[in-house]
Amino acid sequence: MNILSIDIGGSNIKATVLNKDGVPISEYKRLPTPVPSTPANVMATIEILAKDLTGYDAVSAGFPGYVRDGVIKTAPNLGTEPWRDYNLQSALSTTLKKPAKVVNDADLQGIAVVSGKGLEMVITLGTGFGTALLKDGRLLPHLEIGQHPIKTDKTYDMYIGQAAFEKKGKAHWNERLKKVINILKTVYNYDRLYISGGNAKNIDFKLDDNIALANNRDGIKGGALLWRES
């Protein structure tokens, strides 16, 4: 069983075909996330990406928002209103003519990068702030921690996302990230934390021994593991 794995981000949409073990068997394709990022525009972009990717039996997608049973509930960095209650899982299955599964994008990365031992947390530092929690390698109910206030007038998304990095600069952003990690350490008491996303490369301080950087391309391998779990 080969799987078309799609990572829908606030800045880019990426796709590749994986074998059942999560090993890429096609090239890694990427296109900018369309603006406006409506369901129709995103689906059109996915169709373009998938056009030259063949030989897959099923589809997995990670989406930057709250997803329940393949239906989008929130899409903070794409625009929630057009996406609210949109059945992305059904749309992908209909458009690509294959069975599909859709989960939060950080959850999709999480099942690919964790060790599978203990309570593990994955955070993604990209357009927004994504999170996933796993216990012994199994996904726990998704929490949109990025939308929780860290200050009176700022959510984690606003505090540590791409817009904050550009506005405050690398040094100030790193100080903010230190604060966020300390909060997560206290609140979740994780055994291991993994940091992924485009801005992970900008971290300039020493991380704790139980914190590791994860590659975005490793994360997309979760598309295969999502089907293996089921």
Protein backbone atom coordinates (compact mmCIF):
# COMPACT_ATOMS: atom_id res chain seq x y z
CA MET A 1 0.00 0.00 0.00
CA ASN A 2 1.45 3.35 -1.08
CA ILE A 3 0.18 6.62 0.38
CA LEU A 4 0.05 10.14 -1.01
CA SER A 5 1.05 12.25 2.00
CA ILE A 6 0.10 15.94 1.94
CA ASP A 7 1.24 18.62 4.39
CA ILE A 8 -0.96 21.73 4.22
CA GLY A 9 0.83 24.68 5.81
CA GLY A 10 0.22 28.36 6.18
CA SER A 11 3.05 29.12 3.74
CA ASN A 12 3.42 26.01 1.56
CA ILE A 13 1.61 22.82 0.60
CA LYS A 14 3.88 19.79 0.21
CA ALA A 15 3.28 16.28 -1.07
CA THR A 16 5.09 13.02 -1.76
CA VAL A 17 4.23 9.34 -2.21
CA LEU A 18 5.35 6.98 0.56
CA ASN A 19 5.49 3.24 0.81
CA LYS A 20 3.83 1.48 3.75
CA ASP A 21 6.93 2.06 5.90
CA GLY A 22 6.96 5.81 5.28
CA VAL A 23 9.86 5.78 2.83
CA PRO A 24 9.40 8.31 -0.02
CA ILE A 25 9.10 6.65 -3.43
CA SER A 26 8.52 9.86 -5.40
CA GLU A 27 9.97 13.32 -5.53
CA TYR A 28 8.99 15.84 -2.86
CA LYS A 29 6.74 18.49 -4.39
CA ARG A 30 5.91 21.92 -2.98
CA LEU A 31 3.76 24.90 -3.98
CA PRO A 32 2.97 28.13 -2.11
CA THR A 33 -0.27 28.06 -0.15
CA PRO A 34 -2.72 30.10 -2.25
CA VAL A 35 -4.02 33.48 -1.14
CA PRO A 36 -6.84 33.62 -0.29
CA SER A 37 -6.52 30.16 1.25
CA THR A 38 -10.10 29.06 0.64
CA PRO A 39 -11.03 25.38 0.41
CA ALA A 40 -11.49 25.68 -3.36
CA ASN A 41 -8.07 27.29 -3.86
CA VAL A 42 -6.29 24.83 -1.58
CA MET A 43 -7.96 21.87 -3.27
CA ALA A 44 -6.94 23.24 -6.68
CA THR A 45 -3.32 23.48 -5.49
CA ILE A 46 -3.42 19.92 -4.18
CA GLU A 47 -4.75 18.73 -7.55
CA ILE A 48 -1.76 20.37 -9.28
CA LEU A 49 0.68 18.73 -6.83
CA ALA A 50 -0.96 15.34 -7.19
CA LYS A 51 -1.13 15.40 -10.98
CA ASP A 52 2.35 13.93 -11.46
CA LEU A 53 2.33 11.79 -8.30
CA THR A 54 1.02 8.37 -9.23
CA GLY A 55 0.91 4.83 -7.90
CA TYR A 56 -0.72 5.55 -4.54
CA ASP A 57 -3.61 3.64 -2.96
CA ALA A 58 -4.66 6.07 -0.22
CA VAL A 59 -4.24 9.69 0.87
CA SER A 60 -3.15 11.26 4.17
CA ALA A 61 -3.21 14.99 4.89
CA GLY A 62 -2.11 17.19 7.75
CA PHE A 63 -4.09 20.41 8.19
CA PRO A 64 -3.14 23.49 10.29
CA GLY A 65 -6.20 23.65 12.53
CA TYR A 66 -8.62 21.61 14.57
CA VAL A 67 -9.81 18.52 12.69
CA ARG A 68 -12.51 16.13 13.88
CA ASP A 69 -13.24 13.00 11.87
CA GLY A 70 -11.77 14.64 8.78
CA VAL A 71 -13.94 17.76 9.15
CA ILE A 72 -12.25 21.13 9.69
CA LYS A 73 -13.42 23.10 12.71
CA THR A 74 -10.83 25.90 12.84
CA ALA A 75 -8.15 27.17 10.46
CA PRO A 76 -6.41 30.04 12.29
CA ASN A 77 -3.72 30.69 9.68
CA LEU A 78 -5.84 30.08 6.58
CA GLY A 79 -9.10 31.74 7.65
CA THR A 80 -11.55 29.84 9.84
CA GLU A 81 -14.85 31.02 8.38
CA PRO A 82 -14.45 29.57 4.86
CA TRP A 83 -13.16 26.32 6.36
CA ARG A 84 -15.59 25.82 9.24
CA ASP A 85 -17.27 22.39 8.98
CA TYR A 86 -15.62 21.70 5.61
CA ASN A 87 -15.21 17.96 5.12
CA LEU A 88 -11.68 17.95 3.77
CA GLN A 89 -11.37 14.19 4.12
CA SER A 90 -14.39 13.63 1.87
CA ALA A 91 -13.24 16.30 -0.60
CA LEU A 92 -9.80 14.69 -0.96
CA SER A 93 -11.29 11.25 -1.43
CA THR A 94 -13.71 12.51 -4.08
CA THR A 95 -11.14 14.61 -5.94
CA LEU A 96 -8.26 12.11 -5.87
CA LYS A 97 -10.53 9.03 -6.09
CA LYS A 98 -8.79 7.28 -3.20
CA PRO A 99 -9.68 6.75 0.48
CA ALA A 100 -8.37 9.65 2.58
CA LYS A 101 -7.57 10.50 6.18
CA VAL A 102 -7.07 14.03 7.52
CA VAL A 103 -5.62 15.03 10.91
CA ASN A 104 -3.97 18.11 12.37
CA ASP A 105 -0.59 18.79 10.72
CA ALA A 106 1.38 18.63 13.98
CA ASP A 107 -0.32 15.32 14.80
CA LEU A 108 0.73 13.95 11.41
CA GLN A 109 4.33 14.97 12.10
CA GLY A 110 4.16 13.70 15.64
CA ILE A 111 3.45 10.08 14.84
CA ALA A 112 6.46 10.09 12.52
CA VAL A 113 9.11 11.64 14.75
CA VAL A 114 8.48 10.39 18.30
CA SER A 115 10.28 7.46 19.90
CA GLY A 116 7.06 5.81 21.05
CA LYS A 117 8.08 5.73 24.70
CA GLY A 118 6.37 7.78 27.40
CA LEU A 119 4.63 11.13 27.09
CA GLU A 120 6.06 12.98 24.11
CA MET A 121 5.23 16.40 22.72
CA VAL A 122 5.84 17.85 19.27
CA ILE A 123 5.76 21.58 18.51
CA THR A 124 6.01 23.15 15.06
CA LEU A 125 7.44 26.62 14.58
CA GLY A 126 6.11 27.91 11.29
CA THR A 127 3.43 30.35 10.22
CA GLY A 128 1.76 29.53 13.51
CA PHE A 129 2.50 27.33 16.53
CA GLY A 130 1.40 23.72 16.19
CA THR A 131 1.39 21.04 18.86
CA ALA A 132 0.81 17.31 19.26
CA LEU A 133 0.81 15.04 22.30
CA LEU A 134 1.48 11.30 22.16
CA LYS A 135 1.58 8.58 24.81
CA ASP A 136 3.68 5.54 23.93
CA GLY A 137 3.47 6.52 20.28
CA ARG A 138 -0.32 6.90 20.17
CA LEU A 139 -1.94 10.24 19.46
CA LEU A 140 -3.81 11.82 22.35
CA PRO A 141 -6.85 14.08 21.73
CA HIS A 142 -5.68 17.15 19.86
CA LEU A 143 -5.42 20.46 21.72
CA GLU A 144 -5.17 23.76 19.85
CA ILE A 145 -2.56 25.12 22.25
CA GLY A 146 -1.54 27.70 19.64
CA GLN A 147 -4.88 29.45 20.16
CA HIS A 148 -4.52 29.60 23.95
CA PRO A 149 -3.52 33.01 25.39
CA ILE A 150 0.03 33.31 26.64
CA LYS A 151 -0.54 36.99 27.44
CA THR A 152 -3.69 39.05 27.84
CA ASP A 153 -3.71 40.10 24.20
CA LYS A 154 -1.63 37.34 22.54
CA THR A 155 -2.08 33.66 21.74
CA TYR A 156 0.90 31.36 21.27
CA ASP A 157 0.38 31.73 17.52
CA MET A 158 0.73 35.50 17.78
CA TYR A 159 3.55 35.32 20.32
CA ILE A 160 5.86 32.83 18.61
CA GLY A 161 4.60 32.53 15.00
CA GLN A 162 6.22 33.79 11.81
CA ALA A 163 4.73 37.29 12.12
CA ALA A 164 6.30 37.67 15.57
CA PHE A 165 9.66 36.45 14.27
CA GLU A 166 9.61 39.06 11.50
CA LYS A 167 8.45 41.87 13.75
CA LYS A 168 10.60 41.22 16.83
CA GLY A 169 13.73 39.75 15.24
CA LYS A 170 15.66 36.59 15.96
CA ALA A 171 17.08 37.50 19.41
CA HIS A 172 13.75 38.58 20.90
CA TRP A 173 11.96 35.62 19.29
CA ASN A 174 14.43 33.22 20.91
CA GLU A 175 13.77 34.75 24.33
CA ARG A 176 10.06 34.22 23.75
CA LEU A 177 10.67 30.61 22.72
CA LYS A 178 12.62 29.98 25.93
CA LYS A 179 9.60 31.21 27.89
CA VAL A 180 7.23 29.00 25.88
CA ILE A 181 9.37 25.90 26.42
CA ASN A 182 9.50 26.56 30.17
CA ILE A 183 5.70 26.82 30.26
CA LEU A 184 5.26 23.59 28.29
CA LYS A 185 7.76 21.82 30.54
CA THR A 186 5.77 22.80 33.62
CA VAL A 187 2.26 22.24 32.24
CA TYR A 188 2.81 18.95 30.37
CA ASN A 189 5.82 17.46 32.14
CA TYR A 190 6.73 15.68 28.91
CA ASP A 191 9.37 12.97 28.76
CA ARG A 192 10.63 14.30 25.43
CA LEU A 193 9.93 17.36 23.29
CA TYR A 194 10.48 17.54 19.53
CA ILE A 195 10.73 20.86 17.69
CA SER A 196 9.98 21.06 13.98
CA GLY A 197 8.89 23.69 11.44
CA GLY A 198 10.67 26.24 9.30
CA ASN A 199 11.78 28.44 12.20
CA ALA A 200 13.37 25.61 14.18
CA LYS A 201 16.60 26.43 12.33
CA ASN A 202 16.62 29.86 14.00
CA ILE A 203 16.97 28.52 17.55
CA ASP A 204 20.24 29.86 18.95
CA PHE A 205 20.24 28.58 22.55
CA LYS A 206 21.17 25.23 24.07
CA LEU A 207 18.22 22.88 24.36
CA ASP A 208 17.61 20.50 27.26
CA ASP A 209 18.86 16.95 26.82
CA ASN A 210 15.28 15.71 26.35
CA ILE A 211 14.55 18.15 23.50
CA ALA A 212 15.38 17.28 19.90
CA LEU A 213 15.00 18.99 16.54
CA ALA A 214 12.92 17.14 13.94
CA ASN A 215 13.11 17.50 10.18
CA ASN A 216 9.97 18.57 8.32
CA ARG A 217 10.55 15.87 5.72
CA ASP A 218 10.58 13.26 8.46
CA GLY A 219 7.22 14.60 9.57
CA ILE A 220 5.49 13.95 6.26
CA LYS A 221 6.25 10.24 6.76
CA GLY A 222 3.43 10.29 9.30
CA GLY A 223 1.11 9.96 6.32
CA ALA A 224 2.02 6.26 6.08
CA LEU A 225 1.90 5.65 9.83
CA LEU A 226 -1.57 7.16 10.01
CA TRP A 227 -2.87 4.32 7.84
CA ARG A 228 -0.81 1.72 9.66
CA GLU A 229 -2.42 2.79 12.95
CA SER A 230 -5.87 2.13 11.54
